[in-house]
């Protein structure tokens, strides 16, 4: 089978990249694949064409038109059996593409961008343009692959609120996110320091990730249980960003300068070391306007090392975490309750290492990619 993927990049630096690299690398083993992208990834062996604009800027009419011409040229020469849009904003070029009726078309819905018009609610022109294009695009899709039941419900709700009609649910299939266990389950080669408990956060430092809520929770934990611990915050941030300043101020206000380490962006090897050395993974995503956490691969990555996780209700964490087995889902705004869950994991060992690893194994990228590959032949 010949499959054309349309995504931002195969570089595993964000959610789109990690998903794209994992799924495409696996499916390319038994199929002929070609990737149309914005940023080629030199370390990937998959054939890539740098022809797209940034996914975040594709709403511009000029960029939609120019991207359409470039993708159409590839479709005409490559003649794919399936076209799969992985970074959702690019699906806005779909209404203008001439695709053979025998070619099946798919979209992966991750979270925030699963329904694009909602993110432009205050920009009427973009809202109108994206709204028209998305409705037309969704009609041309054979299936939408949602990474979680949470994302599926979010898409259905936004579609109904925007258009006033129900979306055809038969077009949506849920295939949970997966991770490459060979990449994220290596054993720690150095002796783990057990004198200080290590809590980890991995993700961009922004409001949707709930960093402020996490700080409130670990403050409660510190005051009530008094354990020695460090909270490592690993992820990119923008200098002089307002939210970063709020986080820095909150750390000082709560007297957590000793416990909280803002590490910034880390390398893959550093990330693996942090996972392997952690006792708990804590990320409490919240809904920020129309921005949501659609799944959360980082929960599974932590589980692959046997690290229990804590995530939020009303987010994709409810799909990524096996409640009471691989970790807990909590109300991120109830710091005292979160602190009790932290205590249960760190001090009482309520979640077993092997249970975490078993849960991660059920989300191996190989099995998830096979499900998607099967849908190419059915839908």
Protein backbone atom coordinates (compact mmCIF):
# COMPACT_ATOMS: atom_id res chain seq x y z
CA UNK A 1 0.00 0.00 0.00
CA UNK A 2 1.18 3.54 -0.81
CA UNK A 3 0.42 6.11 1.90
CA UNK A 4 0.93 9.87 1.83
CA UNK A 5 1.27 11.47 5.27
CA UNK A 6 0.74 15.18 5.80
CA UNK A 7 2.23 16.47 9.03
CA UNK A 8 4.40 19.21 10.50
CA UNK A 9 7.51 17.14 11.21
CA UNK A 10 8.80 13.71 12.16
CA UNK A 11 11.06 15.20 14.81
CA UNK A 12 9.78 13.97 18.20
CA UNK A 13 9.91 17.38 19.85
CA UNK A 14 6.15 17.82 20.40
CA UNK A 15 2.92 15.83 20.30
CA UNK A 16 2.51 15.94 16.52
CA UNK A 17 6.14 14.98 16.00
CA UNK A 18 6.15 12.08 18.48
CA UNK A 19 2.92 10.68 17.08
CA UNK A 20 4.04 11.12 13.45
CA UNK A 21 7.45 9.53 13.94
CA UNK A 22 6.08 6.59 15.91
CA UNK A 23 3.20 5.69 13.61
CA UNK A 24 4.93 6.42 10.29
CA UNK A 25 8.18 4.65 11.16
CA UNK A 26 6.24 1.54 12.08
CA UNK A 27 3.84 1.55 9.13
CA UNK A 28 6.70 2.24 6.69
CA UNK A 29 8.10 -1.23 7.46
CA UNK A 30 5.36 -2.89 5.39
CA UNK A 31 4.15 -0.07 3.13
CA UNK A 32 5.53 2.56 0.77
CA UNK A 33 5.20 5.91 2.51
CA UNK A 34 5.91 9.52 1.60
CA UNK A 35 5.71 12.46 4.01
CA UNK A 36 4.74 16.02 3.09
CA UNK A 37 5.94 18.21 5.94
CA UNK A 38 7.03 21.63 7.17
CA UNK A 39 10.30 20.61 8.84
CA UNK A 40 12.15 17.52 7.57
CA UNK A 41 13.83 15.43 10.23
CA UNK A 42 17.33 14.45 9.13
CA UNK A 43 17.54 11.44 11.44
CA UNK A 44 14.49 9.80 9.88
CA UNK A 45 14.94 7.24 7.09
CA UNK A 46 11.44 7.94 5.76
CA UNK A 47 11.17 9.92 2.50
CA UNK A 48 10.14 13.52 3.30
CA UNK A 49 9.21 16.53 1.14
CA UNK A 50 9.47 19.99 2.66
CA UNK A 51 6.54 21.63 0.92
CA UNK A 52 4.19 22.82 3.66
CA UNK A 53 3.84 26.02 5.64
CA UNK A 54 3.71 25.94 9.43
CA UNK A 55 0.61 24.15 10.70
CA UNK A 56 -0.13 27.13 12.93
CA UNK A 57 -0.22 29.54 9.97
CA UNK A 58 -2.02 27.42 7.39
CA UNK A 59 -5.32 29.28 7.88
CA UNK A 60 -4.05 32.06 5.58
CA UNK A 61 -5.86 31.79 2.19
CA UNK A 62 -2.56 32.19 0.32
CA UNK A 63 -0.89 29.43 2.34
CA UNK A 64 -3.85 27.11 1.91
CA UNK A 65 -3.76 27.67 -1.85
CA UNK A 66 0.00 27.26 -2.25
CA UNK A 67 0.08 24.17 0.00
CA UNK A 68 -2.77 22.67 -1.98
CA UNK A 69 -0.88 23.07 -5.27
CA UNK A 70 2.22 21.42 -3.83
CA UNK A 71 0.33 18.51 -2.25
CA UNK A 72 -1.71 17.99 -5.42
CA UNK A 73 1.50 17.66 -7.40
CA UNK A 74 2.69 14.91 -5.05
CA UNK A 75 -0.66 13.12 -5.20
CA UNK A 76 -0.58 13.16 -9.01
CA UNK A 77 2.90 11.63 -9.14
CA UNK A 78 2.81 9.35 -6.07
CA UNK A 79 -0.79 8.11 -6.58
CA UNK A 80 -1.35 7.04 -2.96
CA UNK A 81 -3.86 4.44 -1.83
CA UNK A 82 -4.39 6.47 1.35
CA UNK A 83 -3.79 10.06 2.45
CA UNK A 84 -3.43 10.62 6.20
CA UNK A 85 -3.49 14.10 7.72
CA UNK A 86 -1.70 13.89 11.08
CA UNK A 87 -1.32 17.59 12.03
CA UNK A 88 -4.98 18.65 11.97
CA UNK A 89 -4.75 22.21 10.55
CA UNK A 90 -3.50 20.88 7.21
CA UNK A 91 -6.86 19.24 6.60
CA UNK A 92 -8.11 22.67 5.49
CA UNK A 93 -6.47 22.06 2.11
CA UNK A 94 -8.48 18.87 1.60
CA UNK A 95 -11.57 20.54 0.01
CA UNK A 96 -9.36 21.78 -2.85
CA UNK A 97 -7.52 18.52 -3.54
CA UNK A 98 -8.49 16.26 -6.44
CA UNK A 99 -8.25 12.77 -5.02
CA UNK A 100 -9.25 9.54 -6.72
CA UNK A 101 -12.43 7.95 -5.30
CA UNK A 102 -10.37 4.82 -4.65
CA UNK A 103 -7.96 6.76 -2.40
CA UNK A 104 -9.02 6.77 1.23
CA UNK A 105 -8.50 9.86 3.36
CA UNK A 106 -7.89 9.96 7.12
CA UNK A 107 -7.34 12.53 9.84
CA UNK A 108 -5.87 12.03 13.31
CA UNK A 109 -7.61 14.16 15.95
CA UNK A 110 -5.24 14.84 18.85
CA UNK A 111 -6.93 17.46 21.02
CA UNK A 112 -7.03 21.25 20.74
CA UNK A 113 -6.90 21.32 16.94
CA UNK A 114 -9.35 18.48 16.42
CA UNK A 115 -11.93 21.19 15.68
CA UNK A 116 -10.03 24.15 14.27
CA UNK A 117 -12.69 26.93 14.17
CA UNK A 118 -12.93 26.92 17.96
CA UNK A 119 -9.38 28.24 18.36
CA UNK A 120 -10.18 31.28 16.20
CA UNK A 121 -13.33 32.26 18.08
CA UNK A 122 -12.14 35.88 18.50
CA UNK A 123 -10.93 36.22 14.93
CA UNK A 124 -14.07 36.31 12.81
CA UNK A 125 -12.45 36.06 9.38
CA UNK A 126 -10.31 33.07 10.33
CA UNK A 127 -13.26 31.58 12.16
CA UNK A 128 -15.47 31.80 9.06
CA UNK A 129 -12.82 30.52 6.65
CA UNK A 130 -11.77 27.59 8.82
CA UNK A 131 -15.38 26.76 9.67
CA UNK A 132 -16.37 26.45 5.99
CA UNK A 133 -13.28 24.46 5.08
CA UNK A 134 -13.46 22.08 8.02
CA UNK A 135 -17.07 21.14 7.29
CA UNK A 136 -16.20 20.41 3.67
CA UNK A 137 -13.05 18.53 4.66
CA UNK A 138 -14.80 16.32 7.20
CA UNK A 139 -17.28 15.24 4.53
CA UNK A 140 -14.41 14.01 2.33
CA UNK A 141 -12.77 11.99 5.11
CA UNK A 142 -13.23 8.24 5.27
CA UNK A 143 -12.45 8.26 8.98
CA UNK A 144 -11.19 10.39 11.84
CA UNK A 145 -8.78 8.54 14.12
CA UNK A 146 -9.16 10.02 17.60
CA UNK A 147 -6.30 9.43 20.04
CA UNK A 148 -8.71 9.24 23.00
CA UNK A 149 -12.37 9.07 23.93
CA UNK A 150 -11.88 12.48 25.54
CA UNK A 151 -10.78 13.99 22.21
CA UNK A 152 -13.66 12.31 20.42
CA UNK A 153 -16.19 13.89 22.79
CA UNK A 154 -14.44 17.25 22.55
CA UNK A 155 -14.67 17.18 18.74
CA UNK A 156 -18.34 16.17 18.79
CA UNK A 157 -19.19 18.90 21.28
CA UNK A 158 -17.36 21.64 19.39
CA UNK A 159 -18.84 20.58 16.06
CA UNK A 160 -22.38 20.68 17.44
CA UNK A 161 -21.84 24.03 19.17
CA UNK A 162 -20.39 25.60 16.01
CA UNK A 163 -22.71 24.17 13.35
CA UNK A 164 -25.78 23.34 15.42
CA UNK A 165 -25.94 19.79 14.06
CA UNK A 166 -24.63 16.41 15.17
CA UNK A 167 -21.47 15.00 13.61
CA UNK A 168 -21.58 11.55 12.01
CA UNK A 169 -20.04 9.51 14.82
CA UNK A 170 -19.61 6.48 12.58
CA UNK A 171 -16.68 8.30 10.98
CA UNK A 172 -14.73 8.44 14.25
CA UNK A 173 -12.65 5.53 15.50
CA UNK A 174 -10.61 5.68 18.71
CA UNK A 175 -7.05 4.37 18.56
CA UNK A 176 -5.18 5.38 21.69
CA UNK A 177 -1.75 6.97 21.44
CA UNK A 178 1.19 4.62 21.60
CA UNK A 179 4.87 4.80 22.48
CA UNK A 180 7.97 3.05 21.21
CA UNK A 181 8.76 0.82 24.16
CA UNK A 182 12.22 0.12 22.79
CA UNK A 183 12.96 3.83 23.07
CA UNK A 184 11.38 4.51 26.46
CA UNK A 185 11.91 1.48 28.63
CA UNK A 186 15.65 1.10 29.02
CA UNK A 187 16.83 0.27 32.50
CA UNK A 188 18.71 2.90 34.48
CA UNK A 189 22.45 2.28 34.22
CA UNK A 190 23.37 4.43 37.20
CA UNK A 191 22.47 3.91 40.85
CA UNK A 192 19.27 5.72 41.72
CA UNK A 193 19.43 8.23 44.57
CA UNK A 194 16.74 7.13 47.02
CA UNK A 195 17.42 9.73 49.71
CA UNK A 196 15.36 12.39 47.95
CA UNK A 197 12.10 11.57 46.19
CA UNK A 198 11.95 12.78 42.59
CA UNK A 199 8.75 14.12 40.97
CA UNK A 200 8.78 14.90 37.26
CA UNK A 201 6.87 17.12 34.83
CA UNK A 202 7.55 16.96 31.07
CA UNK A 203 5.96 19.42 28.69
CA UNK A 204 5.88 22.99 27.49
CA UNK A 205 5.54 25.49 30.32
CA UNK A 206 2.17 26.98 29.49
CA UNK A 207 -1.20 27.43 31.13
CA UNK A 208 -2.83 24.32 29.58
CA UNK A 209 -0.22 22.09 31.21
CA UNK A 210 -1.33 23.13 34.71
CA UNK A 211 2.08 23.94 36.17
CA UNK A 212 0.63 26.41 38.68
CA UNK A 213 -1.87 23.82 39.86
CA UNK A 214 0.95 21.30 40.31
CA UNK A 215 2.92 23.77 42.40
CA UNK A 216 -0.05 24.29 44.70
CA UNK A 217 -0.37 20.53 45.13
CA UNK A 218 3.29 19.89 45.97
CA UNK A 219 3.19 22.78 48.45
CA UNK A 220 0.32 21.01 50.22
CA UNK A 221 2.29 17.78 50.11
CA UNK A 222 5.37 19.44 51.55
CA UNK A 223 3.46 21.09 54.40
CA UNK A 224 1.41 18.03 55.34
CA UNK A 225 3.87 15.18 54.86
CA UNK A 226 7.27 16.88 55.04
CA UNK A 227 9.13 14.50 52.75
CA UNK A 228 12.34 15.55 51.04
CA UNK A 229 11.69 15.76 47.32
CA UNK A 230 12.53 17.61 44.12
CA UNK A 231 10.05 18.57 41.40
CA UNK A 232 11.86 18.65 38.05
CA UNK A 233 10.07 20.69 35.37
CA UNK A 234 11.48 19.69 31.98
CA UNK A 235 10.19 21.41 28.87
CA UNK A 236 10.58 24.40 26.58
CA UNK A 237 9.48 27.90 27.48
CA UNK A 238 9.69 31.38 26.00
CA UNK A 239 11.84 33.95 27.76
CA UNK A 240 9.78 36.80 29.23
CA UNK A 241 6.60 34.77 28.74
CA UNK A 242 3.86 35.92 31.12
CA UNK A 243 3.02 32.40 32.25
CA UNK A 244 6.67 31.61 32.93
CA UNK A 245 6.85 34.71 35.12
CA UNK A 246 3.75 33.53 36.98
CA UNK A 247 5.36 30.14 37.55
CA UNK A 248 8.60 31.70 38.79
CA UNK A 249 6.68 34.02 41.10
CA UNK A 250 4.55 31.16 42.45
CA UNK A 251 7.65 29.08 43.25
CA UNK A 252 8.99 31.98 45.31
CA UNK A 253 5.64 32.80 46.89
CA UNK A 254 5.16 29.20 48.05
CA UNK A 255 8.73 28.90 49.29
CA UNK A 256 9.57 26.06 46.91
CA UNK A 257 12.90 27.39 45.60
CA UNK A 258 14.71 24.40 47.08
CA UNK A 259 12.32 21.77 45.78
CA UNK A 260 11.44 23.00 42.27
CA UNK A 261 13.95 22.90 39.42
CA UNK A 262 12.93 24.51 36.11
CA UNK A 263 15.22 22.69 33.71
CA UNK A 264 13.94 24.02 30.41
CA UNK A 265 14.28 21.97 27.24
CA UNK A 266 16.27 18.76 27.71
CA UNK A 267 17.85 16.28 25.31
CA UNK A 268 16.38 12.83 24.70
CA UNK A 269 19.11 11.20 26.79
CA UNK A 270 18.50 13.67 29.64
CA UNK A 271 14.78 13.01 29.42
CA UNK A 272 15.28 9.26 29.70
CA UNK A 273 17.52 9.76 32.70
CA UNK A 274 14.87 11.92 34.39
CA UNK A 275 12.16 9.34 33.75
CA UNK A 276 14.28 6.48 35.07
CA UNK A 277 15.22 8.42 38.21
CA UNK A 278 11.70 9.57 39.09
CA UNK A 279 9.34 8.25 41.72
CA UNK A 280 6.28 10.03 40.35
CA UNK A 281 5.18 11.82 37.19
CA UNK A 282 2.88 14.77 37.94
CA UNK A 283 1.16 16.85 35.23
CA UNK A 284 -2.24 18.42 35.88
CA UNK A 285 -3.53 19.78 32.55
CA UNK A 286 -6.45 22.17 32.54
CA UNK A 287 -8.68 23.52 29.78
CA UNK A 288 -7.38 26.91 28.69
CA UNK A 289 -10.15 28.43 26.60
CA UNK A 290 -10.39 26.00 23.69
CA UNK A 291 -6.97 24.50 24.35
CA UNK A 292 -7.06 20.99 25.85
CA UNK A 293 -4.78 18.04 26.57
CA UNK A 294 -6.04 15.40 24.16
CA UNK A 295 -4.11 12.45 25.58
CA UNK A 296 -0.64 12.85 27.08
CA UNK A 297 2.04 10.49 25.76
CA UNK A 298 4.27 11.55 28.62
CA UNK A 299 2.15 9.55 31.07
CA UNK A 300 2.86 6.38 29.12
CA UNK A 301 6.53 7.26 28.71
CA UNK A 302 6.81 7.53 32.49
CA UNK A 303 4.91 4.25 32.96
CA UNK A 304 7.36 2.51 30.62
CA UNK A 305 10.00 3.09 33.30
CA UNK A 306 7.65 1.86 36.01
CA UNK A 307 6.92 5.40 37.21
CA UNK A 308 3.36 6.04 38.48
CA UNK A 309 1.51 9.07 37.15
CA UNK A 310 -1.02 11.67 38.29
CA UNK A 311 -3.12 13.57 35.74
CA UNK A 312 -6.34 15.55 35.53
CA UNK A 313 -9.99 14.79 35.13
CA UNK A 314 -11.60 16.51 32.12
CA UNK A 315 -8.52 15.88 29.98
CA UNK A 316 -7.04 13.09 27.89
CA UNK A 317 -5.29 11.87 31.03
CA UNK A 318 -8.44 9.85 31.79
CA UNK A 319 -7.53 7.71 28.75
CA UNK A 320 -3.76 7.73 29.31
CA UNK A 321 -3.94 6.69 32.99
CA UNK A 322 -5.43 3.43 34.29
CA UNK A 323 -7.05 4.74 37.47
CA UNK A 324 -5.64 3.08 40.55
CA UNK A 325 -3.31 0.86 38.51
CA UNK A 326 -0.87 3.05 36.54
CA UNK A 327 -1.66 6.17 38.58
CA UNK A 328 -4.52 8.49 39.47
CA UNK A 329 -6.69 11.11 37.80
CA UNK A 330 -7.65 14.02 40.04
CA UNK A 331 -9.36 17.39 40.13
CA UNK A 332 -6.38 19.71 39.45
CA UNK A 333 -7.96 22.50 41.47
CA UNK A 334 -8.20 20.46 44.67
CA UNK A 335 -4.61 20.70 45.87
CA UNK A 336 -5.26 18.81 49.10
CA UNK A 337 -6.66 15.81 47.24
CA UNK A 338 -3.73 15.83 44.83
CA UNK A 339 -1.30 15.97 47.77
CA UNK A 340 -2.93 12.86 49.24
CA UNK A 341 -2.45 11.02 45.94
CA UNK A 342 1.20 12.12 45.86
CA UNK A 343 1.57 10.75 49.38
CA UNK A 344 -0.10 7.47 48.40
CA UNK A 345 2.36 6.95 45.57
CA UNK A 346 5.61 8.29 47.00
CA UNK A 347 5.31 7.30 50.65
CA UNK A 348 2.86 4.39 50.65
CA UNK A 349 3.86 2.80 47.33
CA UNK A 350 0.20 2.41 46.39
CA UNK A 351 0.97 1.97 42.68
CA UNK A 352 3.15 -0.96 41.63
CA UNK A 353 6.08 -0.59 39.24
CA UNK A 354 5.12 -3.68 37.24
CA UNK A 355 1.52 -2.51 36.84
CA UNK A 356 2.81 0.72 35.30
CA UNK A 357 5.05 -1.15 32.88
CA UNK A 358 2.24 -3.52 31.91
CA UNK A 359 -0.05 -0.58 31.14
CA UNK A 360 2.63 1.00 28.93
CA UNK A 361 3.11 -2.30 27.10
CA UNK A 362 -0.57 -2.30 26.16
CA UNK A 363 0.10 0.96 24.29
CA UNK A 364 3.13 -0.25 22.34
CA UNK A 365 3.37 1.72 19.09
CA UNK A 366 3.51 -1.51 17.10
CA UNK A 367 0.06 -2.64 18.14
CA UNK A 368 -1.43 0.84 17.73
CA UNK A 369 0.11 1.26 14.28
CA UNK A 370 -1.29 -2.12 13.24
CA UNK A 371 -4.79 -0.97 14.20
CA UNK A 372 -4.40 2.14 12.05
CA UNK A 373 -2.95 0.12 9.17
CA UNK A 374 -5.96 -2.19 9.37
CA UNK A 375 -8.32 0.80 9.13
CA UNK A 376 -6.62 1.87 5.89
CA UNK A 377 -7.89 -1.33 4.33
CA UNK A 378 -11.38 -1.28 5.83
CA UNK A 379 -12.71 2.28 6.02
